[in-house]
Amino acid sequence: MGGIDQAFVQEPEQRPKPSTIEVDGIPVIDMSVSGTGGIEKLASEIGNACRKWGFFQVINHGVPLELRQRVEKVAKAFFDLPIEEKRKAKRDDLNFTGYHDEEHTKNVRDWKEVFDMLIEDPTFLPASPDPDDEEIRTYSNKWPENPPEFRETCQEYCREVEKLAFKLLELISLSLGLPANRLSDFFKHQTGMLRLNYYPPCPSPELALGVGRHRDGGALTVLAQDDVGGLQIRRQSDGEWIPIKPIPNAYIINIADALQVWSNDLYVSAEHRVVVNSEQERFSIPLFFFPSHYVKVEPLEELVNEQNPAKYKEYSWGKYYINRTGSNYKKLEAENLQIDHFKTPESK
C-alpha cells in the first residue's frame, strides 16, 4: 500500500482527495476590543461562528509571539531527537502523559508523533470509566531530559494560553446570553492538557491521515499551527472538507463536545481531520480545555424550556474522559464513547 504499514491506511471513503476546494475560510476574529459595546460585538461574532462553523481564528489574542516561537523551537528540538531518546519519556498504562507514536483515531493509526502534558500538575481523574468505581487517581507530568528548557518553556506557554481559553469561555458565555462567569466554576480543577503534534512527511499522503476524522471531547481547543497547513474541517452545510489556511500568529479555536451539550446544540462541535504531505514536516500545538473531573455535563438550565427541551442526558466528565483516553492508544472492536450516546430518546 504505497510503502506504508497497513495500520495507517484509511478506508477508501475517508481518504483525502488529491485537491481540495477553494473557499472562504472560517471567520477571523480580532480580540483587541474595549468597552461594553466592543465586548458585545465580539461575543456576537464568536456566537455566529460557533453556530455556523464550530471553528474560528483569533488575532490580537494576547499570547506573546516570542513565547509561541520558543515553544515551537523546543517542540522541534524534541521531535528531532533519536527515537530511543524520545521513548525515555514514553507514556505507559499508568500515565498517559509524555511521548507517544501509536495513537489511533476511529481505529486507524495516525501518521504522527505526540507529546502530552497536563495543564494542572497534579491532575485528578477517575481510576476507571466504571460508574461504580469511586477511586480517584493522581496524574503528574512525565518530562524529557532534553532539550533542557523543554519543561519550563511548555509550562510558561500553558499558563498564557490558559488565560486565553478562560477569556474565550467568558465570551462564549456572553454569546449565549449568559453571565460571563457562568461556565467558570466547571474549571476550578480543570483536567486539560497541552499537546505537541509532529507530522513527518508521508510517502503515501493519499492513503493516510495525520489525524483521522473526529470531534474534540472537551469544552474548547486552542490550536497553534505552523505555516504548512493540513487541518481540515467538515462544513455543516454539505459535508465537504474545508482546509483552514494558516494565518501568522493566529490561534484556531474550536467548540468541543461539552460546549455543544451545555449549549443544547445551539453551538456545534465540528468534525475535523489533518492531512499530511510527502515533502514537509508539520507541527501543531493544541491546548485542550477540559472541565474538572467531578463536573456533570448536561444542557444548561437557562437554555432549556418546553419549546426547547434538553437534548442530552447528564454524564460525568471524568468518566467520559477516561473512557475516551483509553481508546486512543489501542485498536478497539467498537467506536469509542461519543456525546451522541447521551442523546435523549426524543432528540435522536
C-alpha atoms as a PDB file:
ATOM      1  CA  MET A   1       0.000   0.000   0.000  1.00  0.00           C
ATOM      2  CA  GLY A   2       2.360   2.687  -1.209  1.00  0.00           C
ATOM      3  CA  GLY A   3       5.144   1.758   1.183  1.00  0.00           C
ATOM      4  CA  ILE A   4       3.310   2.409   4.459  1.00  0.00           C
ATOM      5  CA  ASP A   5       2.112  -0.009   7.106  1.00  0.00           C
ATOM      6  CA  GLN A   6      -1.455  -1.232   6.642  1.00  0.00           C
ATOM      7  CA  ALA A   7      -2.305   0.110  10.125  1.00  0.00           C
ATOM      8  CA  PHE A   8      -2.133   3.672   8.728  1.00  0.00           C
ATOM      9  CA  VAL A   9      -4.327   3.083   5.663  1.00  0.00           C
ATOM     10  CA  GLN A  10      -7.718   4.785   5.812  1.00  0.00           C
ATOM     11  CA  GLU A  11     -10.904   3.251   4.431  1.00  0.00           C
ATOM     12  CA  PRO A  12     -11.412   4.448   0.821  1.00  0.00           C
ATOM     13  CA  GLU A  13     -14.267   6.826   1.715  1.00  0.00           C
ATOM     14  CA  GLN A  14     -12.100   8.534   4.382  1.00  0.00           C
ATOM     15  CA  ARG A  15      -9.012   9.104   2.250  1.00  0.00           C
ATOM     16  CA  PRO A  16      -8.197  12.702   1.340  1.00  0.00           C
ATOM     17  CA  LYS A  17      -8.956  13.870  -2.183  1.00  0.00           C
ATOM     18  CA  PRO A  18      -5.968  14.942  -4.315  1.00  0.00           C
ATOM     19  CA  SER A  19      -7.233  18.521  -4.482  1.00  0.00           C
ATOM     20  CA  THR A  20      -9.333  20.443  -2.000  1.00  0.00           C
ATOM     21  CA  ILE A  21     -11.902  23.043  -2.905  1.00  0.00           C
ATOM     22  CA  GLU A  22     -11.011  26.711  -2.534  1.00  0.00           C
ATOM     23  CA  VAL A  23     -13.467  28.541  -0.306  1.00  0.00           C
ATOM     24  CA  ASP A  24     -13.620  31.487   2.017  1.00  0.00           C
ATOM     25  CA  GLY A  25     -12.131  30.349   5.301  1.00  0.00           C
ATOM     26  CA  ILE A  26     -13.614  30.213   8.752  1.00  0.00           C
ATOM     27  CA  PRO A  27     -14.214  33.579  10.496  1.00  0.00           C
ATOM     28  CA  VAL A  28     -11.159  35.529  11.672  1.00  0.00           C
ATOM     29  CA  ILE A  29     -11.988  37.483  14.837  1.00  0.00           C
ATOM     30  CA  ASP A  30      -9.941  40.394  16.219  1.00  0.00           C
ATOM     31  CA  MET A  31      -9.903  40.254  20.029  1.00  0.00           C
ATOM     32  CA  SER A  32      -8.418  43.731  20.534  1.00  0.00           C
ATOM     33  CA  VAL A  33     -11.630  45.464  21.648  1.00  0.00           C
ATOM     34  CA  SER A  34     -12.527  47.682  24.572  1.00  0.00           C
ATOM     35  CA  GLY A  35     -15.693  48.998  26.174  1.00  0.00           C
ATOM     36  CA  THR A  36     -19.063  47.292  26.647  1.00  0.00           C
ATOM     37  CA  GLY A  37     -20.097  47.794  23.023  1.00  0.00           C
ATOM     38  CA  GLY A  38     -16.873  46.220  21.755  1.00  0.00           C
ATOM     39  CA  ILE A  39     -17.240  43.194  24.034  1.00  0.00           C
ATOM     40  CA  GLU A  40     -20.859  42.675  22.961  1.00  0.00           C
ATOM     41  CA  LYS A  41     -19.882  42.844  19.283  1.00  0.00           C
ATOM     42  CA  LEU A  42     -17.009  40.412  19.864  1.00  0.00           C
ATOM     43  CA  ALA A  43     -19.291  37.956  21.702  1.00  0.00           C
ATOM     44  CA  SER A  44     -21.827  38.198  18.872  1.00  0.00           C
ATOM     45  CA  GLU A  45     -19.162  37.422  16.237  1.00  0.00           C
ATOM     46  CA  ILE A  46     -17.999  34.426  18.255  1.00  0.00           C
ATOM     47  CA  GLY A  47     -21.572  33.195  18.699  1.00  0.00           C
ATOM     48  CA  ASN A  48     -22.209  33.356  14.953  1.00  0.00           C
ATOM     49  CA  ALA A  49     -19.004  31.410  14.257  1.00  0.00           C
ATOM     50  CA  CYS A  50     -19.930  28.778  16.878  1.00  0.00           C
ATOM     51  CA  ARG A  51     -23.338  28.264  15.280  1.00  0.00           C
ATOM     52  CA  LYS A  52     -22.263  28.155  11.648  1.00  0.00           C
ATOM     53  CA  TRP A  53     -18.825  26.549  11.800  1.00  0.00           C
ATOM     54  CA  GLY A  54     -17.890  25.469  15.325  1.00  0.00           C
ATOM     55  CA  PHE A  55     -14.477  26.950  14.401  1.00  0.00           C
ATOM     56  CA  PHE A  56     -12.922  30.418  14.175  1.00  0.00           C
ATOM     57  CA  GLN A  57      -9.477  32.020  14.249  1.00  0.00           C
ATOM     58  CA  VAL A  58      -8.451  34.783  16.656  1.00  0.00           C
ATOM     59  CA  ILE A  59      -5.853  37.522  16.184  1.00  0.00           C
ATOM     60  CA  ASN A  60      -4.590  40.095  18.711  1.00  0.00           C
ATOM     61  CA  HIS A  61      -5.254  37.498  21.371  1.00  0.00           C
ATOM     62  CA  GLY A  62      -2.626  38.472  23.944  1.00  0.00           C
ATOM     63  CA  VAL A  63      -0.358  35.402  23.842  1.00  0.00           C
ATOM     64  CA  PRO A  64       3.210  36.717  23.312  1.00  0.00           C
ATOM     65  CA  LEU A  65       4.611  35.792  19.889  1.00  0.00           C
ATOM     66  CA  GLU A  66       8.094  35.343  21.393  1.00  0.00           C
ATOM     67  CA  LEU A  67       6.754  32.666  23.765  1.00  0.00           C
ATOM     68  CA  ARG A  68       4.972  30.845  20.954  1.00  0.00           C
ATOM     69  CA  GLN A  69       8.185  30.821  18.926  1.00  0.00           C
ATOM     70  CA  ARG A  70      10.087  29.397  21.898  1.00  0.00           C
ATOM     71  CA  VAL A  71       7.631  26.540  22.418  1.00  0.00           C
ATOM     72  CA  GLU A  72       7.703  25.756  18.681  1.00  0.00           C
ATOM     73  CA  LYS A  73      11.514  25.661  18.881  1.00  0.00           C
ATOM     74  CA  VAL A  74      11.597  23.200  21.827  1.00  0.00           C
ATOM     75  CA  ALA A  75       8.926  21.037  20.155  1.00  0.00           C
ATOM     76  CA  LYS A  76      11.061  20.715  17.022  1.00  0.00           C
ATOM     77  CA  ALA A  77      14.184  20.060  19.097  1.00  0.00           C
ATOM     78  CA  PHE A  78      12.411  17.274  20.990  1.00  0.00           C
ATOM     79  CA  PHE A  79      10.947  15.532  17.929  1.00  0.00           C
ATOM     80  CA  ASP A  80      14.326  15.756  16.160  1.00  0.00           C
ATOM     81  CA  LEU A  81      15.886  13.577  18.890  1.00  0.00           C
ATOM     82  CA  PRO A  82      16.654   9.904  18.162  1.00  0.00           C
ATOM     83  CA  ILE A  83      13.654   7.640  18.746  1.00  0.00           C
ATOM     84  CA  GLU A  84      15.395   5.906  21.690  1.00  0.00           C
ATOM     85  CA  GLU A  85      15.792   9.269  23.420  1.00  0.00           C
ATOM     86  CA  LYS A  86      12.153  10.256  22.848  1.00  0.00           C
ATOM     87  CA  ARG A  87      10.923   6.922  24.163  1.00  0.00           C
ATOM     88  CA  LYS A  88      12.613   7.550  27.512  1.00  0.00           C
ATOM     89  CA  ALA A  89       9.607   9.821  28.166  1.00  0.00           C
ATOM     90  CA  LYS A  90       7.066   7.429  26.620  1.00  0.00           C
ATOM     91  CA  ARG A  91       3.589   7.144  28.058  1.00  0.00           C
ATOM     92  CA  ASP A  92       2.558   3.900  29.696  1.00  0.00           C
ATOM     93  CA  ASP A  93      -0.547   2.195  31.034  1.00  0.00           C
ATOM     94  CA  LEU A  94      -0.319   4.070  34.354  1.00  0.00           C
ATOM     95  CA  ASN A  95       0.403   7.536  32.984  1.00  0.00           C
ATOM     96  CA  PHE A  96      -0.946   8.900  29.697  1.00  0.00           C
ATOM     97  CA  THR A  97       1.359  11.957  29.653  1.00  0.00           C
ATOM     98  CA  GLY A  98       4.614  12.028  27.690  1.00  0.00           C
ATOM     99  CA  TYR A  99       5.675  10.841  24.258  1.00  0.00           C
ATOM    100  CA  HIS A 100       3.570   8.565  22.062  1.00  0.00           C
ATOM    101  CA  ASP A 101       3.761   7.434  18.423  1.00  0.00           C
ATOM    102  CA  GLU A 102       0.957   4.884  18.108  1.00  0.00           C
ATOM    103  CA  GLU A 103      -2.237   6.906  18.524  1.00  0.00           C
ATOM    104  CA  HIS A 104      -5.426   5.664  16.846  1.00  0.00           C
ATOM    105  CA  THR A 105      -8.420   7.693  15.663  1.00  0.00           C
ATOM    106  CA  LYS A 106     -11.526   5.710  14.665  1.00  0.00           C
ATOM    107  CA  ASN A 107      -9.393   2.572  14.980  1.00  0.00           C
ATOM    108  CA  VAL A 108      -6.877   3.647  12.307  1.00  0.00           C
ATOM    109  CA  ARG A 109      -3.359   4.668  13.294  1.00  0.00           C
ATOM    110  CA  ASP A 110      -2.489   8.365  12.897  1.00  0.00           C
ATOM    111  CA  TRP A 111       0.579   9.451  10.903  1.00  0.00           C
ATOM    112  CA  LYS A 112       2.083  11.492  13.741  1.00  0.00           C
ATOM    113  CA  GLU A 113       4.038  11.616  16.981  1.00  0.00           C
ATOM    114  CA  VAL A 114       2.795  13.467  20.067  1.00  0.00           C
ATOM    115  CA  PHE A 115       3.911  14.703  23.455  1.00  0.00           C
ATOM    116  CA  ASP A 116       1.162  15.309  26.037  1.00  0.00           C
ATOM    117  CA  MET A 117       1.354  17.296  29.277  1.00  0.00           C
ATOM    118  CA  LEU A 118      -1.269  18.227  31.854  1.00  0.00           C
ATOM    119  CA  ILE A 119      -2.018  21.911  32.435  1.00  0.00           C
ATOM    120  CA  GLU A 120      -2.561  21.283  36.159  1.00  0.00           C
ATOM    121  CA  ASP A 121       0.139  19.164  37.773  1.00  0.00           C
ATOM    122  CA  PRO A 122      -1.048  17.098  39.533  1.00  0.00           C
ATOM    123  CA  THR A 123      -4.409  16.427  37.860  1.00  0.00           C
ATOM    124  CA  PHE A 124      -7.108  14.278  39.454  1.00  0.00           C
ATOM    125  CA  LEU A 125      -9.163  11.841  37.383  1.00  0.00           C
ATOM    126  CA  PRO A 126     -11.277   8.737  37.977  1.00  0.00           C
ATOM    127  CA  ALA A 127      -9.303   5.489  38.129  1.00  0.00           C
ATOM    128  CA  SER A 128     -11.676   3.826  35.639  1.00  0.00           C
ATOM    129  CA  PRO A 129     -14.751   4.523  33.479  1.00  0.00           C
ATOM    130  CA  ASP A 130     -16.804   2.177  35.697  1.00  0.00           C
ATOM    131  CA  PRO A 131     -19.675   4.277  37.150  1.00  0.00           C
ATOM    132  CA  ASP A 132     -19.497   2.367  40.457  1.00  0.00           C
ATOM    133  CA  ASP A 133     -15.741   2.838  40.893  1.00  0.00           C
ATOM    134  CA  GLU A 134     -15.233   5.909  43.106  1.00  0.00           C
ATOM    135  CA  GLU A 135     -11.424   5.748  43.194  1.00  0.00           C
ATOM    136  CA  ILE A 136      -9.658   8.937  42.101  1.00  0.00           C
ATOM    137  CA  ARG A 137      -6.167   8.680  40.654  1.00  0.00           C
ATOM    138  CA  THR A 138      -3.459  11.367  40.711  1.00  0.00           C
ATOM    139  CA  TYR A 139      -1.591  12.056  37.472  1.00  0.00           C
ATOM    140  CA  SER A 140       1.645  14.017  37.102  1.00  0.00           C
ATOM    141  CA  ASN A 141       3.599  15.026  34.029  1.00  0.00           C
ATOM    142  CA  LYS A 142       6.401  12.941  32.582  1.00  0.00           C
ATOM    143  CA  TRP A 143       9.160  15.228  31.275  1.00  0.00           C
ATOM    144  CA  PRO A 144      12.055  14.533  28.888  1.00  0.00           C
ATOM    145  CA  GLU A 145      15.635  15.331  29.856  1.00  0.00           C
ATOM    146  CA  ASN A 146      16.233  17.066  26.531  1.00  0.00           C
ATOM    147  CA  PRO A 147      16.011  19.744  25.420  1.00  0.00           C
ATOM    148  CA  PRO A 148      16.810  21.120  28.928  1.00  0.00           C
ATOM    149  CA  GLU A 149      14.463  24.129  28.556  1.00  0.00           C
ATOM    150  CA  PHE A 150      11.522  21.922  27.450  1.00  0.00           C
ATOM    151  CA  ARG A 151       9.651  21.767  30.772  1.00  0.00           C
ATOM    152  CA  GLU A 152       9.940  25.426  31.742  1.00  0.00           C
ATOM    153  CA  THR A 153       9.012  26.672  28.270  1.00  0.00           C
ATOM    154  CA  CYS A 154       5.967  24.415  27.972  1.00  0.00           C
ATOM    155  CA  GLN A 155       4.708  25.328  31.453  1.00  0.00           C
ATOM    156  CA  GLU A 156       5.045  29.057  30.731  1.00  0.00           C
ATOM    157  CA  TYR A 157       3.231  28.616  27.425  1.00  0.00           C
ATOM    158  CA  CYS A 158       0.424  26.632  29.103  1.00  0.00           C
ATOM    159  CA  ARG A 159      -0.268  29.482  31.522  1.00  0.00           C
ATOM    160  CA  GLU A 160      -0.545  32.089  28.772  1.00  0.00           C
ATOM    161  CA  VAL A 161      -2.792  30.016  26.508  1.00  0.00           C
ATOM    162  CA  GLU A 162      -4.912  29.014  29.519  1.00  0.00           C
ATOM    163  CA  LYS A 163      -5.613  32.738  30.100  1.00  0.00           C
ATOM    164  CA  LEU A 164      -6.817  32.989  26.505  1.00  0.00           C
ATOM    165  CA  ALA A 165      -9.026  29.899  26.979  1.00  0.00           C
ATOM    166  CA  PHE A 166     -10.717  31.433  30.041  1.00  0.00           C
ATOM    167  CA  LYS A 167     -11.240  34.703  28.141  1.00  0.00           C
ATOM    168  CA  LEU A 168     -12.847  32.798  25.269  1.00  0.00           C
ATOM    169  CA  LEU A 169     -15.024  30.854  27.708  1.00  0.00           C
ATOM    170  CA  GLU A 170     -16.377  34.162  29.068  1.00  0.00           C
ATOM    171  CA  LEU A 171     -17.088  35.484  25.575  1.00  0.00           C
ATOM    172  CA  ILE A 172     -18.860  32.234  24.631  1.00  0.00           C
ATOM    173  CA  SER A 173     -20.987  32.521  27.793  1.00  0.00           C
ATOM    174  CA  LEU A 174     -21.928  36.094  26.850  1.00  0.00           C
ATOM    175  CA  SER A 175     -22.738  34.980  23.310  1.00  0.00           C
ATOM    176  CA  LEU A 176     -25.278  32.528  24.775  1.00  0.00           C
ATOM    177  CA  GLY A 177     -26.946  35.371  26.685  1.00  0.00           C
ATOM    178  CA  LEU A 178     -25.461  34.191  29.995  1.00  0.00           C
ATOM    179  CA  PRO A 179     -23.230  35.933  32.575  1.00  0.00           C
ATOM    180  CA  ALA A 180     -19.539  35.967  31.612  1.00  0.00           C
ATOM    181  CA  ASN A 181     -18.608  33.700  34.541  1.00  0.00           C
ATOM    182  CA  ARG A 182     -21.431  31.168  34.006  1.00  0.00           C
ATOM    183  CA  LEU A 183     -19.073  28.343  32.961  1.00  0.00           C
ATOM    184  CA  SER A 184     -16.025  29.268  35.064  1.00  0.00           C
ATOM    185  CA  ASP A 185     -16.848  27.082  38.078  1.00  0.00           C
ATOM    186  CA  PHE A 186     -16.710  23.985  35.865  1.00  0.00           C
ATOM    187  CA  PHE A 187     -12.938  24.556  35.506  1.00  0.00           C
ATOM    188  CA  LYS A 188     -11.818  25.038  39.128  1.00  0.00           C
ATOM    189  CA  HIS A 189      -9.774  21.832  38.952  1.00  0.00           C
ATOM    190  CA  GLN A 190      -9.565  21.547  35.208  1.00  0.00           C
ATOM    191  CA  THR A 191      -8.220  18.391  33.598  1.00  0.00           C
ATOM    192  CA  GLY A 192      -6.988  19.889  30.330  1.00  0.00           C
ATOM    193  CA  MET A 193      -3.709  19.249  28.567  1.00  0.00           C
ATOM    194  CA  LEU A 194      -1.264  20.697  26.075  1.00  0.00           C
ATOM    195  CA  ARG A 195      -0.178  18.531  23.176  1.00  0.00           C
ATOM    196  CA  LEU A 196       2.765  18.887  20.808  1.00  0.00           C
ATOM    197  CA  ASN A 197       1.982  17.268  17.442  1.00  0.00           C
ATOM    198  CA  TYR A 198       4.619  16.263  14.896  1.00  0.00           C
ATOM    199  CA  TYR A 199       3.562  15.074  11.437  1.00  0.00           C
ATOM    200  CA  PRO A 200       6.538  13.665   9.478  1.00  0.00           C
ATOM    201  CA  PRO A 201       6.498  13.645   5.663  1.00  0.00           C
ATOM    202  CA  CYS A 202       4.398  10.696   4.486  1.00  0.00           C
ATOM    203  CA  PRO A 203       5.301   8.620   1.386  1.00  0.00           C
ATOM    204  CA  SER A 204       1.592   7.929   0.699  1.00  0.00           C
ATOM    205  CA  PRO A 205      -0.386  11.028   1.757  1.00  0.00           C
ATOM    206  CA  GLU A 206      -3.317   9.872  -0.374  1.00  0.00           C
ATOM    207  CA  LEU A 207      -3.805   6.829   1.887  1.00  0.00           C
ATOM    208  CA  ALA A 208      -3.085   8.063   5.422  1.00  0.00           C
ATOM    209  CA  LEU A 209      -4.161  10.925   7.673  1.00  0.00           C
ATOM    210  CA  GLY A 210      -2.192  12.771  10.340  1.00  0.00           C
ATOM    211  CA  VAL A 211      -5.345  12.571  12.452  1.00  0.00           C
ATOM    212  CA  GLY A 212      -8.490  10.850  11.266  1.00  0.00           C
ATOM    213  CA  ARG A 213     -11.907  12.496  11.378  1.00  0.00           C
ATOM    214  CA  HIS A 214     -13.010  13.221  14.941  1.00  0.00           C
ATOM    215  CA  ARG A 215     -14.645  15.732  17.244  1.00  0.00           C
ATOM    216  CA  ASP A 216     -12.889  17.002  20.372  1.00  0.00           C
ATOM    217  CA  GLY A 217     -14.434  15.816  23.619  1.00  0.00           C
ATOM    218  CA  GLY A 218     -13.796  18.723  25.993  1.00  0.00           C
ATOM    219  CA  ALA A 219     -15.023  22.320  26.124  1.00  0.00           C
ATOM    220  CA  LEU A 220     -12.842  24.062  23.550  1.00  0.00           C
ATOM    221  CA  THR A 221      -9.472  23.705  21.832  1.00  0.00           C
ATOM    222  CA  VAL A 222      -6.924  26.492  21.277  1.00  0.00           C
ATOM    223  CA  LEU A 223      -4.613  25.474  18.422  1.00  0.00           C
ATOM    224  CA  ALA A 224      -1.372  26.955  17.121  1.00  0.00           C
ATOM    225  CA  GLN A 225      -0.413  25.581  13.703  1.00  0.00           C
ATOM    226  CA  ASP A 226       2.654  26.314  11.603  1.00  0.00           C
ATOM    227  CA  ASP A 227       2.560  27.642   8.048  1.00  0.00           C
ATOM    228  CA  VAL A 228       2.491  24.208   6.354  1.00  0.00           C
ATOM    229  CA  GLY A 229      -1.246  23.680   6.799  1.00  0.00           C
ATOM    230  CA  GLY A 230      -3.163  20.415   6.851  1.00  0.00           C
ATOM    231  CA  LEU A 231      -6.107  20.954   9.205  1.00  0.00           C
ATOM    232  CA  GLN A 232      -9.485  20.460   7.531  1.00  0.00           C
ATOM    233  CA  ILE A 233     -12.981  20.819   8.971  1.00  0.00           C
ATOM    234  CA  ARG A 234     -16.216  19.279   7.741  1.00  0.00           C
ATOM    235  CA  ARG A 235     -18.578  22.019   6.576  1.00  0.00           C
ATOM    236  CA  GLN A 236     -22.025  21.806   8.171  1.00  0.00           C
ATOM    237  CA  SER A 237     -23.978  22.686   5.032  1.00  0.00           C
ATOM    238  CA  ASP A 238     -22.711  19.978   2.656  1.00  0.00           C
ATOM    239  CA  GLY A 239     -20.186  17.747   4.471  1.00  0.00           C
ATOM    240  CA  GLU A 240     -17.262  18.943   2.324  1.00  0.00           C
ATOM    241  CA  TRP A 241     -13.784  19.015   3.880  1.00  0.00           C
ATOM    242  CA  ILE A 242     -12.579  22.630   4.076  1.00  0.00           C
ATOM    243  CA  PRO A 243      -8.882  23.462   4.625  1.00  0.00           C
ATOM    244  CA  ILE A 244      -8.061  26.032   7.321  1.00  0.00           C
ATOM    245  CA  LYS A 245      -5.475  28.360   5.868  1.00  0.00           C
ATOM    246  CA  PRO A 246      -2.701  29.263   8.335  1.00  0.00           C
ATOM    247  CA  ILE A 247      -2.610  32.902   9.446  1.00  0.00           C
ATOM    248  CA  PRO A 248       0.666  34.019  11.083  1.00  0.00           C
ATOM    249  CA  ASN A 249       0.387  34.200  14.898  1.00  0.00           C
ATOM    250  CA  ALA A 250      -3.355  33.411  14.888  1.00  0.00           C
ATOM    251  CA  TYR A 251      -4.987  30.729  17.036  1.00  0.00           C
ATOM    252  CA  ILE A 252      -7.622  28.357  15.716  1.00  0.00           C
ATOM    253  CA  ILE A 253     -10.449  27.846  18.202  1.00  0.00           C
ATOM    254  CA  ASN A 254     -12.952  25.034  18.006  1.00  0.00           C
ATOM    255  CA  ILE A 255     -16.005  24.238  20.073  1.00  0.00           C
ATOM    256  CA  ALA A 256     -15.800  20.759  21.568  1.00  0.00           C
ATOM    257  CA  ASP A 257     -18.449  18.279  22.701  1.00  0.00           C
ATOM    258  CA  ALA A 258     -19.059  19.508  26.263  1.00  0.00           C
ATOM    259  CA  LEU A 259     -19.844  23.000  24.972  1.00  0.00           C
ATOM    260  CA  GLN A 260     -22.202  21.579  22.361  1.00  0.00           C
ATOM    261  CA  VAL A 261     -24.047  19.804  25.208  1.00  0.00           C
ATOM    262  CA  TRP A 262     -24.045  22.872  27.512  1.00  0.00           C
ATOM    263  CA  SER A 263     -25.468  24.944  24.642  1.00  0.00           C
ATOM    264  CA  ASN A 264     -28.091  22.231  23.967  1.00  0.00           C
ATOM    265  CA  ASP A 265     -26.948  22.009  20.325  1.00  0.00           C
ATOM    266  CA  LEU A 266     -27.021  25.777  19.711  1.00  0.00           C
ATOM    267  CA  TYR A 267     -23.278  25.504  19.091  1.00  0.00           C
ATOM    268  CA  VAL A 268     -21.630  22.754  17.098  1.00  0.00           C
ATOM    269  CA  SER A 269     -18.620  20.565  17.782  1.00  0.00           C
ATOM    270  CA  ALA A 270     -17.461  20.096  14.194  1.00  0.00           C
ATOM    271  CA  GLU A 271     -15.644  17.094  12.787  1.00  0.00           C
ATOM    272  CA  HIS A 272     -12.094  17.776  11.678  1.00  0.00           C
ATOM    273  CA  ARG A 273      -9.006  15.904  10.486  1.00  0.00           C
ATOM    274  CA  VAL A 274      -5.399  16.500   9.442  1.00  0.00           C
ATOM    275  CA  VAL A 275      -3.978  15.655   6.022  1.00  0.00           C
ATOM    276  CA  VAL A 276      -0.264  15.028   5.522  1.00  0.00           C
ATOM    277  CA  ASN A 277       2.113  15.567   2.612  1.00  0.00           C
ATOM    278  CA  SER A 278       5.192  13.851   1.178  1.00  0.00           C
ATOM    279  CA  GLU A 279       7.578  16.841   1.319  1.00  0.00           C
ATOM    280  CA  GLN A 280       7.250  18.819   4.527  1.00  0.00           C
ATOM    281  CA  GLU A 281       7.051  18.019   8.204  1.00  0.00           C
ATOM    282  CA  ARG A 282       4.316  19.863  10.113  1.00  0.00           C
ATOM    283  CA  PHE A 283       3.947  20.941  13.739  1.00  0.00           C
ATOM    284  CA  SER A 284       0.863  21.989  15.668  1.00  0.00           C
ATOM    285  CA  ILE A 285       0.231  22.710  19.345  1.00  0.00           C
ATOM    286  CA  PRO A 286      -3.327  22.325  20.675  1.00  0.00           C
ATOM    287  CA  LEU A 287      -4.387  23.158  24.211  1.00  0.00           C
ATOM    288  CA  PHE A 288      -7.404  21.049  25.130  1.00  0.00           C
ATOM    289  CA  PHE A 289      -9.529  22.877  27.715  1.00  0.00           C
ATOM    290  CA  PHE A 290     -11.359  20.323  29.885  1.00  0.00           C
ATOM    291  CA  PRO A 291     -13.642  20.703  32.936  1.00  0.00           C
ATOM    292  CA  SER A 292     -12.945  19.336  36.442  1.00  0.00           C
ATOM    293  CA  HIS A 293     -13.329  15.560  36.712  1.00  0.00           C
ATOM    294  CA  TYR A 294     -16.384  15.802  39.005  1.00  0.00           C
ATOM    295  CA  VAL A 295     -18.399  18.067  36.667  1.00  0.00           C
ATOM    296  CA  LYS A 296     -21.706  16.661  35.425  1.00  0.00           C
ATOM    297  CA  VAL A 297     -22.180  17.741  31.807  1.00  0.00           C
ATOM    298  CA  GLU A 298     -25.759  18.464  30.711  1.00  0.00           C
ATOM    299  CA  PRO A 299     -27.604  21.261  28.862  1.00  0.00           C
ATOM    300  CA  LEU A 300     -27.568  24.496  30.882  1.00  0.00           C
ATOM    301  CA  GLU A 301     -30.928  25.064  32.569  1.00  0.00           C
ATOM    302  CA  GLU A 302     -31.147  28.640  31.202  1.00  0.00           C
ATOM    303  CA  LEU A 303     -31.133  27.251  27.639  1.00  0.00           C
ATOM    304  CA  VAL A 304     -33.817  24.608  28.195  1.00  0.00           C
ATOM    305  CA  ASN A 305     -37.595  25.109  28.162  1.00  0.00           C
ATOM    306  CA  GLU A 306     -40.777  23.411  26.960  1.00  0.00           C
ATOM    307  CA  GLN A 307     -40.196  24.515  23.381  1.00  0.00           C
ATOM    308  CA  ASN A 308     -36.529  23.528  23.532  1.00  0.00           C
ATOM    309  CA  PRO A 309     -36.177  20.515  25.875  1.00  0.00           C
ATOM    310  CA  ALA A 310     -32.819  19.077  26.912  1.00  0.00           C
ATOM    311  CA  LYS A 311     -31.311  17.080  24.055  1.00  0.00           C
ATOM    312  CA  TYR A 312     -28.785  15.195  26.265  1.00  0.00           C
ATOM    313  CA  LYS A 313     -28.804  13.195  29.454  1.00  0.00           C
ATOM    314  CA  GLU A 314     -26.320  14.123  32.160  1.00  0.00           C
ATOM    315  CA  TYR A 315     -22.913  12.435  32.116  1.00  0.00           C
ATOM    316  CA  SER A 316     -19.757  12.595  34.247  1.00  0.00           C
ATOM    317  CA  TRP A 317     -16.907  14.436  32.513  1.00  0.00           C
ATOM    318  CA  GLY A 318     -14.207  12.455  34.343  1.00  0.00           C
ATOM    319  CA  LYS A 319     -15.677   9.051  33.448  1.00  0.00           C
ATOM    320  CA  TYR A 320     -16.239  10.146  29.848  1.00  0.00           C
ATOM    321  CA  TYR A 321     -12.664  11.427  29.561  1.00  0.00           C
ATOM    322  CA  ILE A 322     -11.081   8.262  30.956  1.00  0.00           C
ATOM    323  CA  ASN A 323     -13.178   6.104  28.634  1.00  0.00           C
ATOM    324  CA  ARG A 324     -12.084   8.057  25.552  1.00  0.00           C
ATOM    325  CA  THR A 325      -8.433   8.358  26.592  1.00  0.00           C
ATOM    326  CA  GLY A 326      -8.084   4.600  26.874  1.00  0.00           C
ATOM    327  CA  SER A 327      -9.403   4.030  23.374  1.00  0.00           C
ATOM    328  CA  ASN A 328      -6.924   6.418  21.697  1.00  0.00           C
ATOM    329  CA  TYR A 329      -3.982   4.119  22.247  1.00  0.00           C
ATOM    330  CA  LYS A 330      -5.169   0.742  21.103  1.00  0.00           C
ATOM    331  CA  LYS A 331      -7.401  -0.686  18.421  1.00  0.00           C
ATOM    332  CA  LEU A 332     -10.889  -1.454  19.707  1.00  0.00           C
ATOM    333  CA  GLU A 333     -13.700  -3.586  18.360  1.00  0.00           C
ATOM    334  CA  ALA A 334     -16.140  -0.676  18.522  1.00  0.00           C
ATOM    335  CA  GLU A 335     -16.024   3.109  18.209  1.00  0.00           C
ATOM    336  CA  ASN A 336     -15.189   4.941  21.439  1.00  0.00           C
ATOM    337  CA  LEU A 337     -17.728   6.842  23.526  1.00  0.00           C
ATOM    338  CA  GLN A 338     -19.347   9.887  21.876  1.00  0.00           C
ATOM    339  CA  ILE A 339     -21.802  12.525  23.133  1.00  0.00           C
ATOM    340  CA  ASP A 340     -24.398  11.078  20.739  1.00  0.00           C
ATOM    341  CA  HIS A 341     -24.605   8.132  23.156  1.00  0.00           C
ATOM    342  CA  PHE A 342     -26.143  10.568  25.684  1.00  0.00           C
ATOM    343  CA  LYS A 343     -28.818  11.948  23.348  1.00  0.00           C
ATOM    344  CA  THR A 344     -32.301  11.831  24.837  1.00  0.00           C
ATOM    345  CA  PRO A 345     -34.674   9.447  23.010  1.00  0.00           C
ATOM    346  CA  GLU A 346     -36.747  12.395  21.721  1.00  0.00           C
ATOM    347  CA  SER A 347     -33.755  14.133  20.099  1.00  0.00           C
ATOM    348  CA  LYS A 348     -32.254  11.158  18.291  1.00  0.00           C
END
